[in-house]
Amino acid sequence: MNPTLNRRTFLGNTTLLGASLAAGSVFAQAPAGGSKKVKVALIGCGGRGNGALGDFLEACKILGLEAQLVATGDAFKAQAEGTGKKFGLAPDKCFGGYDAYQKVVATDCDYVLMATPPAFRPLHFAAAVEAGKHCFIEKPVAVDPAGARSVLATGEKATAKGLAVVTGTQRRHQADYLRNKARIDAGAIGKIKGGVVQWNGTVPWIKRRNEGESDASYITRNWVNFTELSGDHIVEQHVHNLDVAVWFLGRLPIAANGFGGRARRETGNQFDFFSVDYDFGDDVHIHSQCRQLTGTHQHVGEMFTGTEGSCYGGGKLNGKQVAIPEIKVDSNNSMVQEHVDMIRSVMTGKPLNDAKRIAEVTLVAIMGRISCYTGQLIRWNDVLSNDKSPFYNQACTPAAIDFEKGPIQLPAEVAAVPGKA
């Protein structure tokens, strides 16, 4: 559903990408006597969707499989047909409209790749699992607490059905990050006592409203600038770095307290910057910083300080020498590797399921956004389990299902203002 959008310059200072910790041969083979053909479908045919499809096809080549695209779906039918045409897909298998996902999951595909705006992902994920499909979902997987909790519930259904669920947090499949995580677990920098995670860049793109264009069309085309569809950039983009913090620390934060603001954004209703203190308990705090402003210093990465050293994400680690298991690499592209790991897990009968992990880290980003929008301290339980909290049922509207019901009302293009003068 997104216009020409690529996974934005996510690697910064890293050079070695893609990794697998699977035991045995790096190149898994299809089960003896089994079919080597896999059928895949794509929901969301913009730049990221087409990128994910290319990554999936490359992963199939690595694993010695033949991939067949059997359906595409997008809010804009021309987008779906544009992708389908590249692969000789018949027009009647290229579905348009906000209910296109229902038609895609009704096909005989084995895998569904989902790259629609984040607000649509809980709904589309639920439909795909109900239809018995293995799922690749772009990050983040929701824009509000209710959506993230929906993904948690759907993830449990996927487990019960033996379905694979992998998400677009490619650092988890990247060799240098995997090595540093293993070193930290082996005690290379001692106990992590704090750190900083950053995504400081620019607004990816801006779409202006066309004359006579409907509210639904405009917000869908310009989704990356509206909180209701993207979750704001702390959720949509900075979730990568927050995921690394949660991963390296091995636990979730207990509270978030932050601030942010808007001065220059030209469309939508999002902030230009966020600064959040995440309290991980045991006197450990991580400073989360993200900004989208042209003409400012740009940096993407993570740094953690331990009792006996320090670590820069997937880069330099200063600390003790420790022994770690060999990290095996399939691809020099971690966005391909995540698909390799997903497909291999299905082939070996041990399907990966990232749903719980990605839903939780999406909630981590959401609690930071809510704190900045409201000026309040947000506790983990406020968004996960305390239904008495005023933030528990906080929802972005219009919701995904509203787009299927008819015309929607465009949210005001005004950012939140916390507190009082």
Protein backbone atom coordinates (compact mmCIF):
# COMPACT_ATOMS: atom_id res chain seq x y z
CA MET A 1 0.00 0.00 0.00
CA ASN A 2 2.91 2.37 0.43
CA PRO A 3 4.33 4.39 -2.44
CA THR A 4 8.00 4.00 -3.34
CA LEU A 5 9.36 3.41 0.16
CA ASN A 6 12.57 1.57 0.86
CA ARG A 7 13.87 0.25 4.22
CA ARG A 8 15.64 3.49 5.10
CA THR A 9 19.45 3.44 5.50
CA PHE A 10 19.05 1.15 8.46
CA LEU A 11 22.56 -0.16 8.85
CA GLY A 12 24.75 2.89 9.41
CA ASN A 13 28.16 1.54 10.40
CA THR A 14 27.70 -2.17 9.69
CA THR A 15 29.15 -4.12 6.79
CA LEU A 16 28.53 -7.83 7.37
CA LEU A 17 24.89 -8.74 7.10
CA GLY A 18 22.68 -11.76 7.51
CA ALA A 19 23.27 -14.69 9.79
CA SER A 20 21.88 -17.99 10.93
CA LEU A 21 22.51 -19.88 14.14
CA ALA A 22 20.85 -23.02 12.82
CA ALA A 23 22.84 -26.18 13.44
CA GLY A 24 24.00 -28.44 10.62
CA SER A 25 24.38 -27.47 7.00
CA VAL A 26 24.02 -23.80 6.15
CA PHE A 27 21.98 -24.65 3.07
CA ALA A 28 18.99 -26.68 4.21
CA GLN A 29 17.35 -28.89 1.62
CA ALA A 30 13.69 -29.54 0.98
CA PRO A 31 12.38 -32.66 2.73
CA ALA A 32 13.10 -35.86 0.78
CA GLY A 33 10.30 -36.58 -1.64
CA GLY A 34 8.67 -33.22 -0.90
CA SER A 35 7.84 -30.44 -3.33
CA LYS A 36 10.48 -27.78 -3.95
CA LYS A 37 7.90 -25.22 -5.06
CA VAL A 38 6.54 -22.62 -2.66
CA LYS A 39 3.67 -20.27 -3.37
CA VAL A 40 3.83 -16.73 -2.05
CA ALA A 41 1.43 -13.78 -2.01
CA LEU A 42 2.04 -10.11 -1.28
CA ILE A 43 -0.21 -7.63 0.55
CA GLY A 44 1.04 -4.06 0.17
CA CYS A 45 2.71 -3.48 -3.19
CA GLY A 46 4.73 -0.33 -2.60
CA GLY A 47 8.50 -0.07 -2.44
CA ARG A 48 8.89 -2.05 0.80
CA GLY A 49 6.44 -4.73 -0.34
CA ASN A 50 8.27 -5.21 -3.62
CA GLY A 51 11.54 -5.25 -1.69
CA ALA A 52 10.24 -7.96 0.66
CA LEU A 53 9.07 -10.01 -2.30
CA GLY A 54 12.51 -9.77 -3.90
CA ASP A 55 14.12 -10.82 -0.62
CA PHE A 56 11.79 -13.81 -0.34
CA LEU A 57 12.56 -14.91 -3.90
CA GLU A 58 16.30 -14.64 -3.26
CA ALA A 59 15.91 -16.68 -0.07
CA CYS A 60 14.18 -19.40 -2.05
CA LYS A 61 17.10 -19.53 -4.48
CA ILE A 62 19.52 -19.97 -1.59
CA LEU A 63 17.44 -22.86 -0.27
CA GLY A 64 17.09 -24.51 -3.67
CA LEU A 65 13.38 -23.80 -3.93
CA GLU A 66 11.19 -22.58 -6.78
CA ALA A 67 8.97 -19.68 -5.75
CA GLN A 68 5.73 -18.74 -7.47
CA LEU A 69 3.86 -15.48 -6.91
CA VAL A 70 0.17 -16.39 -6.85
CA ALA A 71 -1.56 -13.17 -5.71
CA THR A 72 -1.02 -9.50 -4.92
CA GLY A 73 -3.21 -7.08 -2.99
CA ASP A 74 -3.14 -3.35 -2.37
CA ALA A 75 -5.57 -0.56 -1.51
CA PHE A 76 -4.76 0.78 -4.97
CA LYS A 77 -5.39 -1.85 -7.63
CA ALA A 78 -2.89 -0.27 -10.02
CA GLN A 79 -0.17 -0.97 -7.43
CA ALA A 80 -1.20 -4.61 -7.15
CA GLU A 81 -1.30 -5.00 -10.93
CA GLY A 82 2.06 -3.26 -11.32
CA THR A 83 3.77 -5.83 -9.12
CA GLY A 84 1.83 -8.72 -10.65
CA LYS A 85 2.75 -7.69 -14.18
CA LYS A 86 6.47 -8.04 -13.40
CA PHE A 87 5.87 -11.74 -12.71
CA GLY A 88 3.30 -12.50 -15.39
CA LEU A 89 0.48 -12.71 -12.86
CA ALA A 90 -3.02 -12.61 -14.32
CA PRO A 91 -4.94 -9.38 -13.54
CA ASP A 92 -7.67 -11.36 -11.79
CA LYS A 93 -5.07 -12.41 -9.18
CA CYS A 94 -4.15 -8.78 -8.48
CA PHE A 95 -6.67 -7.47 -5.97
CA GLY A 96 -7.45 -3.84 -5.17
CA GLY A 97 -9.31 -2.11 -2.35
CA TYR A 98 -9.12 -2.14 1.42
CA ASP A 99 -10.56 -5.67 1.50
CA ALA A 100 -7.94 -6.99 -0.95
CA TYR A 101 -6.16 -8.86 1.86
CA GLN A 102 -9.22 -11.11 2.29
CA LYS A 103 -8.99 -12.19 -1.35
CA VAL A 104 -5.23 -12.72 -1.14
CA VAL A 105 -5.36 -15.05 1.88
CA ALA A 106 -8.18 -17.02 0.22
CA THR A 107 -5.76 -18.17 -2.51
CA ASP A 108 -3.59 -21.30 -2.32
CA CYS A 109 -0.47 -19.40 -1.22
CA ASP A 110 1.80 -20.97 1.41
CA TYR A 111 3.35 -17.69 2.57
CA VAL A 112 1.91 -14.19 2.87
CA LEU A 113 4.19 -11.15 2.94
CA MET A 114 2.59 -8.11 4.61
CA ALA A 115 3.97 -4.62 3.95
CA THR A 116 0.91 -2.44 4.33
CA PRO A 117 0.97 0.61 6.65
CA PRO A 118 1.36 -0.55 10.28
CA ALA A 119 -2.23 0.23 11.29
CA PHE A 120 -3.48 -2.51 8.95
CA ARG A 121 -1.13 -5.24 10.12
CA PRO A 122 -3.06 -6.64 13.11
CA LEU A 123 -6.16 -7.11 10.93
CA HIS A 124 -4.27 -8.61 8.01
CA PHE A 125 -2.19 -10.86 10.25
CA ALA A 126 -5.31 -12.24 11.92
CA ALA A 127 -6.86 -13.04 8.53
CA ALA A 128 -3.70 -14.74 7.27
CA VAL A 129 -3.35 -16.95 10.34
CA GLU A 130 -7.04 -17.83 10.23
CA ALA A 131 -6.44 -18.96 6.64
CA GLY A 132 -3.46 -21.09 7.72
CA LYS A 133 -0.66 -19.11 6.06
CA HIS A 134 2.94 -18.66 7.11
CA CYS A 135 3.52 -14.92 7.60
CA PHE A 136 6.20 -12.35 7.07
CA ILE A 137 5.11 -9.03 8.62
CA GLU A 138 6.97 -5.77 8.30
CA LYS A 139 7.70 -3.94 11.52
CA PRO A 140 6.11 -2.45 13.56
CA VAL A 141 3.00 -4.60 13.83
CA ALA A 142 0.58 -2.06 15.33
CA VAL A 143 0.08 1.62 16.12
CA ASP A 144 -1.79 1.40 19.43
CA PRO A 145 -1.95 -0.87 22.52
CA ALA A 146 -5.09 -2.70 21.36
CA GLY A 147 -3.47 -3.53 18.03
CA ALA A 148 -0.32 -4.87 19.64
CA ARG A 149 -2.34 -7.03 22.04
CA SER A 150 -4.29 -8.34 19.04
CA VAL A 151 -1.01 -9.46 17.47
CA LEU A 152 -0.09 -11.24 20.72
CA ALA A 153 -3.36 -13.18 20.58
CA THR A 154 -3.00 -13.99 16.89
CA GLY A 155 0.56 -15.13 17.49
CA GLU A 156 -0.71 -17.72 19.97
CA LYS A 157 -3.12 -19.00 17.32
CA ALA A 158 -0.23 -19.24 14.86
CA THR A 159 1.70 -21.36 17.36
CA ALA A 160 -1.27 -23.68 17.81
CA LYS A 161 -1.51 -24.09 14.04
CA GLY A 162 2.22 -24.65 13.54
CA LEU A 163 2.63 -21.51 11.41
CA ALA A 164 5.81 -19.50 10.99
CA VAL A 165 5.74 -15.77 11.80
CA VAL A 166 8.82 -13.67 11.03
CA THR A 167 9.05 -9.88 11.10
CA GLY A 168 11.21 -7.24 9.43
CA THR A 169 13.62 -6.65 12.31
CA GLN A 170 16.61 -7.73 10.29
CA ARG A 171 19.25 -6.99 12.94
CA ARG A 172 18.10 -10.19 14.66
CA HIS A 173 19.33 -12.06 11.56
CA GLN A 174 22.54 -10.06 11.04
CA ALA A 175 25.91 -11.67 11.75
CA ASP A 176 27.65 -8.80 13.51
CA TYR A 177 24.69 -8.11 15.80
CA LEU A 178 24.36 -11.83 16.55
CA ARG A 179 28.05 -12.03 17.40
CA ASN A 180 27.91 -9.07 19.77
CA LYS A 181 24.78 -10.40 21.43
CA ALA A 182 26.54 -13.74 21.98
CA ARG A 183 29.59 -11.96 23.38
CA ILE A 184 27.46 -9.92 25.78
CA ASP A 185 25.67 -13.07 26.95
CA ALA A 186 29.08 -14.64 27.54
CA GLY A 187 30.07 -11.71 29.78
CA ALA A 188 32.29 -9.68 27.42
CA ILE A 189 31.18 -6.30 28.80
CA GLY A 190 29.82 -7.46 32.14
CA LYS A 191 26.35 -6.38 33.18
CA ILE A 192 24.76 -3.71 30.99
CA LYS A 193 24.17 -0.59 33.11
CA GLY A 194 22.84 1.83 30.50
CA GLY A 195 22.98 3.03 26.92
CA VAL A 196 21.69 5.15 24.08
CA VAL A 197 19.71 4.09 21.01
CA GLN A 198 19.25 6.53 18.13
CA TRP A 199 17.62 7.04 14.76
CA ASN A 200 18.30 10.59 13.69
CA GLY A 201 17.45 11.18 10.04
CA THR A 202 14.99 12.98 7.78
CA VAL A 203 11.34 12.63 6.81
CA PRO A 204 11.30 9.71 4.32
CA TRP A 205 8.86 11.40 1.97
CA ILE A 206 5.89 13.78 1.81
CA LYS A 207 2.77 13.35 -0.30
CA ARG A 208 0.54 16.32 -1.07
CA ARG A 209 -3.19 15.98 -1.39
CA ASN A 210 -4.52 15.82 -4.95
CA GLU A 211 -7.50 17.91 -5.95
CA GLY A 212 -10.70 15.99 -5.24
CA GLU A 213 -8.87 13.15 -3.53
CA SER A 214 -10.74 11.27 -0.80
CA ASP A 215 -9.58 11.33 2.80
CA ALA A 216 -8.89 7.59 2.65
CA SER A 217 -6.73 7.83 -0.45
CA TYR A 218 -4.75 10.80 0.83
CA ILE A 219 -3.93 9.38 4.26
CA THR A 220 -3.05 5.99 2.75
CA ARG A 221 -0.65 7.53 0.23
CA ASN A 222 0.84 9.82 2.90
CA TRP A 223 0.66 7.26 5.70
CA VAL A 224 4.23 7.74 6.93
CA ASN A 225 3.28 11.24 8.16
CA PHE A 226 0.14 10.29 10.10
CA THR A 227 0.25 8.68 13.56
CA GLU A 228 -3.01 6.85 12.87
CA LEU A 229 -1.40 4.75 10.13
CA SER A 230 2.32 4.74 11.01
CA GLY A 231 2.37 5.07 14.80
CA ASP A 232 4.75 8.07 14.39
CA HIS A 233 8.40 7.55 13.55
CA ILE A 234 9.36 6.42 17.06
CA VAL A 235 7.15 3.38 16.35
CA GLU A 236 7.50 2.97 12.60
CA GLN A 237 11.26 3.49 12.31
CA HIS A 238 12.99 3.75 15.69
CA VAL A 239 11.45 0.40 16.72
CA HIS A 240 14.56 -1.18 15.13
CA ASN A 241 16.87 0.37 17.73
CA LEU A 242 14.47 -0.22 20.62
CA ASP A 243 14.35 -3.87 19.57
CA VAL A 244 18.13 -4.08 19.87
CA ALA A 245 17.96 -2.60 23.39
CA VAL A 246 15.35 -5.12 24.51
CA TRP A 247 17.27 -7.94 22.82
CA PHE A 248 20.70 -7.11 24.24
CA LEU A 249 19.34 -6.47 27.75
CA GLY A 250 17.16 -9.57 27.64
CA ARG A 251 14.15 -7.90 29.25
CA LEU A 252 11.43 -5.30 28.74
CA PRO A 253 11.31 -1.81 30.29
CA ILE A 254 9.07 -1.15 33.26
CA ALA A 255 8.32 2.49 32.40
CA ALA A 256 8.89 5.27 29.89
CA ASN A 257 9.10 9.01 30.48
CA GLY A 258 9.76 11.33 27.57
CA PHE A 259 9.16 14.50 25.65
CA GLY A 260 9.12 15.58 22.02
CA GLY A 261 7.70 18.15 19.68
CA ARG A 262 6.97 19.42 16.23
CA ALA A 263 8.36 22.50 14.52
CA ARG A 264 8.89 21.85 10.82
CA ARG A 265 6.94 18.81 9.58
CA GLU A 266 4.92 19.85 6.54
CA THR A 267 2.07 17.33 6.45
CA GLY A 268 0.35 14.91 8.81
CA ASN A 269 0.26 15.14 12.60
CA GLN A 270 3.50 13.60 13.86
CA PHE A 271 6.35 14.92 15.98
CA ASP A 272 9.72 15.94 14.56
CA PHE A 273 11.64 14.45 17.50
CA PHE A 274 11.34 12.23 20.57
CA SER A 275 13.55 11.84 23.64
CA VAL A 276 12.54 9.03 26.01
CA ASP A 277 14.06 7.62 29.17
CA TYR A 278 13.28 3.90 29.33
CA ASP A 279 13.60 2.45 32.83
CA PHE A 280 14.57 -1.22 32.64
CA GLY A 281 14.67 -1.66 36.41
CA ASP A 282 17.72 -2.47 38.56
CA ASP A 283 18.93 1.14 38.01
CA VAL A 284 19.37 0.52 34.27
CA HIS A 285 18.19 3.29 31.93
CA ILE A 286 18.32 3.49 28.13
CA HIS A 287 18.04 6.87 26.42
CA SER A 288 15.96 6.63 23.25
CA GLN A 289 16.46 9.48 20.79
CA CYS A 290 14.94 9.85 17.34
CA ARG A 291 14.48 12.77 14.98
CA GLN A 292 13.30 13.41 11.44
CA LEU A 293 14.61 16.83 10.42
CA THR A 294 16.50 17.83 7.29
CA GLY A 295 19.71 19.76 7.89
CA THR A 296 20.47 18.13 11.23
CA HIS A 297 23.11 15.60 12.31
CA GLN A 298 22.12 12.11 11.21
CA HIS A 299 23.05 8.93 13.05
CA VAL A 300 21.50 5.48 13.43
CA GLY A 301 22.79 3.03 16.00
CA GLU A 302 22.99 1.74 19.54
CA MET A 303 25.58 1.97 22.33
CA PHE A 304 25.57 0.08 25.62
CA THR A 305 27.84 0.52 28.62
CA GLY A 306 28.56 -2.46 30.85
CA THR A 307 30.42 -2.94 34.11
CA GLU A 308 33.43 -4.24 32.17
CA GLY A 309 33.22 -2.67 28.73
CA SER A 310 30.99 -1.22 26.02
CA CYS A 311 29.31 -2.28 22.79
CA TYR A 312 28.19 -0.34 19.71
CA GLY A 313 25.29 -2.39 18.34
CA GLY A 314 26.70 -4.60 15.61
CA GLY A 315 30.01 -2.70 15.61
CA LYS A 316 32.92 -2.21 17.98
CA LEU A 317 32.92 -4.06 21.29
CA ASN A 318 35.39 -3.14 24.02
CA GLY A 319 35.62 -5.75 26.74
CA LYS A 320 36.89 -9.17 27.72
CA GLN A 321 37.79 -11.90 25.26
CA VAL A 322 35.14 -14.63 25.39
CA ALA A 323 34.41 -17.78 23.39
CA ILE A 324 31.16 -17.87 21.42
CA PRO A 325 29.59 -20.36 18.98
CA GLU A 326 30.31 -19.95 15.28
CA ILE A 327 27.86 -17.68 13.50
CA LYS A 328 26.93 -19.16 10.11
CA VAL A 329 26.00 -16.89 7.22
CA ASP A 330 23.70 -17.64 4.28
CA SER A 331 23.46 -14.22 2.68
CA ASN A 332 25.27 -10.90 2.73
CA ASN A 333 21.86 -9.24 3.09
CA SER A 334 20.10 -9.61 6.44
CA MET A 335 16.76 -8.75 4.84
CA VAL A 336 17.19 -11.87 2.72
CA GLN A 337 18.44 -13.83 5.72
CA GLU A 338 15.24 -13.26 7.69
CA HIS A 339 13.32 -14.96 4.88
CA VAL A 340 15.86 -17.78 4.70
CA ASP A 341 15.40 -18.37 8.42
CA MET A 342 11.60 -18.31 8.11
CA ILE A 343 11.45 -20.73 5.18
CA ARG A 344 14.07 -23.06 6.66
CA SER A 345 12.15 -23.23 9.94
CA VAL A 346 9.09 -24.43 8.02
CA MET A 347 11.10 -26.93 6.00
CA THR A 348 12.60 -28.45 9.16
CA GLY A 349 9.27 -28.60 10.98
CA LYS A 350 10.34 -26.04 13.60
CA PRO A 351 8.48 -22.87 12.56
CA LEU A 352 9.79 -19.63 14.00
CA ASN A 353 7.23 -17.39 15.65
CA ASP A 354 8.29 -13.79 16.29
CA ALA A 355 4.77 -12.53 17.03
CA LYS A 356 5.14 -12.17 20.79
CA ARG A 357 8.54 -10.54 20.57
CA ILE A 358 7.60 -8.01 17.88
CA ALA A 359 4.26 -7.18 19.53
CA GLU A 360 6.07 -6.48 22.79
CA VAL A 361 8.76 -4.28 21.26
CA THR A 362 6.06 -2.44 19.28
CA LEU A 363 4.38 -1.77 22.64
CA VAL A 364 7.70 -0.48 23.98
CA ALA A 365 7.79 2.09 21.17
CA ILE A 366 4.09 2.94 21.63
CA MET A 367 4.51 3.58 25.38
CA GLY A 368 7.32 6.00 24.55
CA ARG A 369 5.13 7.84 22.05
CA ILE A 370 2.22 8.05 24.48
CA SER A 371 4.51 9.46 27.16
CA CYS A 372 5.78 12.16 24.79
CA TYR A 373 2.29 13.02 23.51
CA THR A 374 0.78 13.26 27.01
CA GLY A 375 3.71 14.27 29.19
CA GLN A 376 2.93 11.39 31.54
CA LEU A 377 5.00 8.51 32.93
CA ILE A 378 3.77 5.39 31.15
CA ARG A 379 4.27 2.03 32.82
CA TRP A 380 4.55 -1.24 30.92
CA ASN A 381 1.38 -2.54 32.57
CA ASP A 382 -0.51 0.56 31.37
CA VAL A 383 -0.37 -0.73 27.80
CA LEU A 384 -0.28 -4.49 28.37
CA SER A 385 -2.44 -5.59 31.29
CA ASN A 386 -3.93 -2.82 33.43
CA ASP A 387 -7.37 -2.30 31.90
CA LYS A 388 -8.06 0.43 34.49
CA SER A 389 -5.31 2.59 33.03
CA PRO A 390 -6.49 5.46 30.79
CA PHE A 391 -3.85 4.39 28.29
CA TYR A 392 -4.81 0.70 28.05
CA ASN A 393 -7.59 1.22 25.51
CA GLN A 394 -6.05 4.22 23.77
CA ALA A 395 -6.79 3.69 20.07
CA CYS A 396 -5.91 5.47 16.86
CA THR A 397 -8.84 6.34 14.62
CA PRO A 398 -9.75 5.71 11.91
CA ALA A 399 -8.98 2.05 12.57
CA ALA A 400 -8.09 -0.41 9.80
CA ILE A 401 -11.58 -1.89 9.65
CA ASP A 402 -13.08 1.59 9.14
CA PHE A 403 -11.48 1.80 5.70
CA GLU A 404 -13.53 -1.22 4.59
CA LYS A 405 -16.81 0.19 5.85
CA GLY A 406 -16.89 3.33 3.75
CA PRO A 407 -15.55 6.90 3.75
CA ILE A 408 -13.30 7.81 6.67
CA GLN A 409 -12.69 11.21 8.24
CA LEU A 410 -9.15 12.54 7.94
CA PRO A 411 -7.53 13.20 11.33
CA ALA A 412 -6.52 16.79 12.00
CA GLU A 413 -3.04 17.62 10.74
CA VAL A 414 -2.11 18.97 14.17
CA ALA A 415 0.39 17.40 16.56
CA ALA A 416 -0.33 16.54 20.19
CA VAL A 417 0.49 19.19 22.84
CA PRO A 418 1.22 17.81 26.32
CA GLY A 419 0.60 19.67 29.57
CA LYS A 420 -0.57 23.22 30.12
CA ALA A 421 1.08 26.61 29.80
